[in-house]
Amino acid sequence: MSHRDIGYDADADSEYECLHCGEIVSEDSHPGTCSDCGTAMRNRQMPYE
């Protein structure tokens, strides 16, 4: 595995981050929108590029 590869465990929770207010949650599936401000959440393992 190279330093760019991300390990994947289907049973593990993923961290999601709101790009508007910075809220971070750990969920087993995509939460959709932020519970604080309603903005879309993004998986923190995905690069910005």
PDB file of N, CA and C in Angstrom:
ATOM      1  N   MET A   1       0.847  -1.175   0.000  1.00  0.00           N
ATOM      2  CA  MET A   1       0.000   0.000   0.000  1.00  0.00           C
ATOM      3  C   MET A   1       0.896   1.242   0.000  1.00  0.00           C
ATOM      4  N   SER A   2       0.618   2.159  -0.879  1.00  0.00           N
ATOM      5  CA  SER A   2       1.396   3.393  -0.933  1.00  0.00           C
ATOM      6  C   SER A   2       0.845   4.401   0.074  1.00  0.00           C
ATOM      7  N   HIS A   3       1.545   5.490   0.273  1.00  0.00           N
ATOM      8  CA  HIS A   3       1.088   6.506   1.220  1.00  0.00           C
ATOM      9  C   HIS A   3      -0.169   7.229   0.748  1.00  0.00           C
ATOM     10  N   ARG A   4      -0.541   7.065  -0.497  1.00  0.00           N
ATOM     11  CA  ARG A   4      -1.750   7.705  -1.020  1.00  0.00           C
ATOM     12  C   ARG A   4      -2.984   6.829  -0.876  1.00  0.00           C
ATOM     13  N   ASP A   5      -2.792   5.532  -0.659  1.00  0.00           N
ATOM     14  CA  ASP A   5      -3.927   4.626  -0.531  1.00  0.00           C
ATOM     15  C   ASP A   5      -4.566   4.774   0.848  1.00  0.00           C
ATOM     16  N   ILE A   6      -5.873   4.725   0.864  1.00  0.00           N
ATOM     17  CA  ILE A   6      -6.615   4.783   2.114  1.00  0.00           C
ATOM     18  C   ILE A   6      -7.210   3.415   2.359  1.00  0.00           C
ATOM     19  N   GLY A   7      -6.946   2.885   3.542  1.00  0.00           N
ATOM     20  CA  GLY A   7      -7.525   1.600   3.881  1.00  0.00           C
ATOM     21  C   GLY A   7      -9.039   1.719   3.984  1.00  0.00           C
ATOM     22  N   TYR A   8      -9.734   0.640   3.684  1.00  0.00           N
ATOM     23  CA  TYR A   8     -11.189   0.676   3.711  1.00  0.00           C
ATOM     24  C   TYR A   8     -11.708  -0.474   4.539  1.00  0.00           C
ATOM     25  N   ASP A   9     -12.539  -0.173   5.500  1.00  0.00           N
ATOM     26  CA  ASP A   9     -13.197  -1.171   6.325  1.00  0.00           C
ATOM     27  C   ASP A   9     -14.683  -0.852   6.280  1.00  0.00           C
ATOM     28  N   ALA A  10     -15.452  -1.710   5.616  1.00  0.00           N
ATOM     29  CA  ALA A  10     -16.876  -1.446   5.416  1.00  0.00           C
ATOM     30  C   ALA A  10     -17.650  -1.363   6.730  1.00  0.00           C
ATOM     31  N   ASP A  11     -17.160  -1.984   7.786  1.00  0.00           N
ATOM     32  CA  ASP A  11     -17.861  -1.980   9.067  1.00  0.00           C
ATOM     33  C   ASP A  11     -17.495  -0.792   9.955  1.00  0.00           C
ATOM     34  N   ALA A  12     -16.467  -0.074   9.593  1.00  0.00           N
ATOM     35  CA  ALA A  12     -16.014   1.047  10.416  1.00  0.00           C
ATOM     36  C   ALA A  12     -16.789   2.322  10.088  1.00  0.00           C
ATOM     37  N   ASP A  13     -16.968   3.175  11.093  1.00  0.00           N
ATOM     38  CA  ASP A  13     -17.583   4.482  10.867  1.00  0.00           C
ATOM     39  C   ASP A  13     -16.605   5.388  10.134  1.00  0.00           C
ATOM     40  N   SER A  14     -17.130   6.327   9.368  1.00  0.00           N
ATOM     41  CA  SER A  14     -16.318   7.325   8.681  1.00  0.00           C
ATOM     42  C   SER A  14     -16.590   8.680   9.306  1.00  0.00           C
ATOM     43  N   GLU A  15     -15.617   9.571   9.208  1.00  0.00           N
ATOM     44  CA  GLU A  15     -15.809  10.934   9.705  1.00  0.00           C
ATOM     45  C   GLU A  15     -16.243  11.829   8.558  1.00  0.00           C
ATOM     46  N   TYR A  16     -17.251  12.648   8.837  1.00  0.00           N
ATOM     47  CA  TYR A  16     -17.773  13.597   7.873  1.00  0.00           C
ATOM     48  C   TYR A  16     -17.658  14.991   8.457  1.00  0.00           C
ATOM     49  N   GLU A  17     -17.369  15.969   7.595  1.00  0.00           N
ATOM     50  CA  GLU A  17     -17.121  17.332   8.037  1.00  0.00           C
ATOM     51  C   GLU A  17     -17.977  18.307   7.246  1.00  0.00           C
ATOM     52  N   CYS A  18     -18.516  19.292   7.938  1.00  0.00           N
ATOM     53  CA  CYS A  18     -19.257  20.367   7.292  1.00  0.00           C
ATOM     54  C   CYS A  18     -18.244  21.419   6.856  1.00  0.00           C
ATOM     55  N   LEU A  19     -18.245  21.760   5.597  1.00  0.00           N
ATOM     56  CA  LEU A  19     -17.301  22.749   5.090  1.00  0.00           C
ATOM     57  C   LEU A  19     -17.715  24.177   5.439  1.00  0.00           C
ATOM     58  N   HIS A  20     -18.930  24.349   5.943  1.00  0.00           N
ATOM     59  CA  HIS A  20     -19.393  25.696   6.308  1.00  0.00           C
ATOM     60  C   HIS A  20     -19.078  26.027   7.773  1.00  0.00           C
ATOM     61  N   CYS A  21     -19.502  25.162   8.701  1.00  0.00           N
ATOM     62  CA  CYS A  21     -19.336  25.489  10.122  1.00  0.00           C
ATOM     63  C   CYS A  21     -18.267  24.650  10.818  1.00  0.00           C
ATOM     64  N   GLY A  22     -17.761  23.595  10.150  1.00  0.00           N
ATOM     65  CA  GLY A  22     -16.688  22.793  10.725  1.00  0.00           C
ATOM     66  C   GLY A  22     -17.140  21.639  11.594  1.00  0.00           C
ATOM     67  N   GLU A  23     -18.439  21.398  11.720  1.00  0.00           N
ATOM     68  CA  GLU A  23     -18.970  20.286  12.510  1.00  0.00           C
ATOM     69  C   GLU A  23     -18.413  18.966  11.972  1.00  0.00           C
ATOM     70  N   ILE A  24     -17.964  18.085  12.862  1.00  0.00           N
ATOM     71  CA  ILE A  24     -17.427  16.778  12.483  1.00  0.00           C
ATOM     72  C   ILE A  24     -18.246  15.710  13.170  1.00  0.00           C
ATOM     73  N   VAL A  25     -18.712  14.720  12.396  1.00  0.00           N
ATOM     74  CA  VAL A  25     -19.481  13.610  12.942  1.00  0.00           C
ATOM     75  C   VAL A  25     -18.884  12.303  12.456  1.00  0.00           C
ATOM     76  N   SER A  26     -19.074  11.253  13.221  1.00  0.00           N
ATOM     77  CA  SER A  26     -18.636   9.912  12.853  1.00  0.00           C
ATOM     78  C   SER A  26     -19.887   9.073  12.636  1.00  0.00           C
ATOM     79  N   GLU A  27     -20.088   8.597  11.410  1.00  0.00           N
ATOM     80  CA  GLU A  27     -21.301   7.865  11.044  1.00  0.00           C
ATOM     81  C   GLU A  27     -20.942   6.637  10.223  1.00  0.00           C
ATOM     82  N   ASP A  28     -21.864   5.667  10.160  1.00  0.00           N
ATOM     83  CA  ASP A  28     -21.639   4.486   9.330  1.00  0.00           C
ATOM     84  C   ASP A  28     -22.121   4.693   7.899  1.00  0.00           C
ATOM     85  N   SER A  29     -22.887   5.775   7.650  1.00  0.00           N
ATOM     86  CA  SER A  29     -23.296   6.133   6.297  1.00  0.00           C
ATOM     87  C   SER A  29     -23.310   7.656   6.192  1.00  0.00           C
ATOM     88  N   HIS A  30     -23.325   8.161   4.967  1.00  0.00           N
ATOM     89  CA  HIS A  30     -23.254   9.602   4.739  1.00  0.00           C
ATOM     90  C   HIS A  30     -24.442  10.296   5.401  1.00  0.00           C
ATOM     91  N   PRO A  31     -24.188  11.281   6.273  1.00  0.00           N
ATOM     92  CA  PRO A  31     -25.281  11.953   6.972  1.00  0.00           C
ATOM     93  C   PRO A  31     -26.082  12.931   6.113  1.00  0.00           C
ATOM     94  N   GLY A  32     -25.592  13.254   4.923  1.00  0.00           N
ATOM     95  CA  GLY A  32     -26.311  14.163   4.038  1.00  0.00           C
ATOM     96  C   GLY A  32     -25.991  15.613   4.332  1.00  0.00           C
ATOM     97  N   THR A  33     -26.709  16.204   5.287  1.00  0.00           N
ATOM     98  CA  THR A  33     -26.482  17.603   5.622  1.00  0.00           C
ATOM     99  C   THR A  33     -26.121  17.755   7.095  1.00  0.00           C
ATOM    100  N   CYS A  34     -25.485  18.849   7.405  1.00  0.00           N
ATOM    101  CA  CYS A  34     -25.060  19.170   8.763  1.00  0.00           C
ATOM    102  C   CYS A  34     -26.283  19.435   9.638  1.00  0.00           C
ATOM    103  N   SER A  35     -26.290  18.847  10.830  1.00  0.00           N
ATOM    104  CA  SER A  35     -27.422  19.063  11.735  1.00  0.00           C
ATOM    105  C   SER A  35     -27.407  20.460  12.340  1.00  0.00           C
ATOM    106  N   ASP A  36     -26.253  21.145  12.305  1.00  0.00           N
ATOM    107  CA  ASP A  36     -26.159  22.494  12.873  1.00  0.00           C
ATOM    108  C   ASP A  36     -26.578  23.584  11.892  1.00  0.00           C
ATOM    109  N   CYS A  37     -26.098  23.485  10.637  1.00  0.00           N
ATOM    110  CA  CYS A  37     -26.352  24.595   9.705  1.00  0.00           C
ATOM    111  C   CYS A  37     -27.049  24.179   8.406  1.00  0.00           C
ATOM    112  N   GLY A  38     -27.200  22.864   8.150  1.00  0.00           N
ATOM    113  CA  GLY A  38     -27.918  22.409   6.967  1.00  0.00           C
ATOM    114  C   GLY A  38     -27.086  22.321   5.691  1.00  0.00           C
ATOM    115  N   THR A  39     -25.778  22.584   5.779  1.00  0.00           N
ATOM    116  CA  THR A  39     -24.898  22.510   4.617  1.00  0.00           C
ATOM    117  C   THR A  39     -24.483  21.060   4.367  1.00  0.00           C
ATOM    118  N   ALA A  40     -24.169  20.721   3.125  1.00  0.00           N
ATOM    119  CA  ALA A  40     -23.750  19.365   2.774  1.00  0.00           C
ATOM    120  C   ALA A  40     -22.471  18.971   3.522  1.00  0.00           C
ATOM    121  N   MET A  41     -22.412  17.703   3.943  1.00  0.00           N
ATOM    122  CA  MET A  41     -21.241  17.161   4.633  1.00  0.00           C
ATOM    123  C   MET A  41     -20.338  16.477   3.616  1.00  0.00           C
ATOM    124  N   ARG A  42     -19.032  16.392   3.927  1.00  0.00           N
ATOM    125  CA  ARG A  42     -18.096  15.701   3.045  1.00  0.00           C
ATOM    126  C   ARG A  42     -17.304  14.704   3.873  1.00  0.00           C
ATOM    127  N   ASN A  43     -16.966  13.569   3.262  1.00  0.00           N
ATOM    128  CA  ASN A  43     -16.150  12.554   3.912  1.00  0.00           C
ATOM    129  C   ASN A  43     -14.740  13.100   4.072  1.00  0.00           C
ATOM    130  N   ARG A  44     -14.212  13.066   5.288  1.00  0.00           N
ATOM    131  CA  ARG A  44     -12.889  13.646   5.568  1.00  0.00           C
ATOM    132  C   ARG A  44     -11.751  12.849   4.934  1.00  0.00           C
ATOM    133  N   GLN A  45     -12.001  11.612   4.493  1.00  0.00           N
ATOM    134  CA  GLN A  45     -10.954  10.823   3.846  1.00  0.00           C
ATOM    135  C   GLN A  45     -10.744  11.213   2.398  1.00  0.00           C
ATOM    136  N   MET A  46     -11.683  11.965   1.822  1.00  0.00           N
ATOM    137  CA  MET A  46     -11.566  12.365   0.430  1.00  0.00           C
ATOM    138  C   MET A  46     -10.731  13.631   0.324  1.00  0.00           C
ATOM    139  N   PRO A  47      -9.749  13.653  -0.581  1.00  0.00           N
ATOM    140  CA  PRO A  47      -8.927  14.859  -0.747  1.00  0.00           C
ATOM    141  C   PRO A  47      -9.720  15.991  -1.388  1.00  0.00           C
ATOM    142  N   TYR A  48      -9.285  17.203  -1.162  1.00  0.00           N
ATOM    143  CA  TYR A  48      -9.926  18.383  -1.777  1.00  0.00           C
ATOM    144  C   TYR A  48      -9.713  18.441  -3.268  1.00  0.00           C
ATOM    145  N   GLU A  49      -8.670  17.829  -3.770  1.00  0.00           N
ATOM    146  CA  GLU A  49      -8.301  17.911  -5.186  1.00  0.00           C
ATOM    147  C   GLU A  49      -9.284  17.215  -6.075  1.00  0.00           C
TER     148      GLU A  49
END
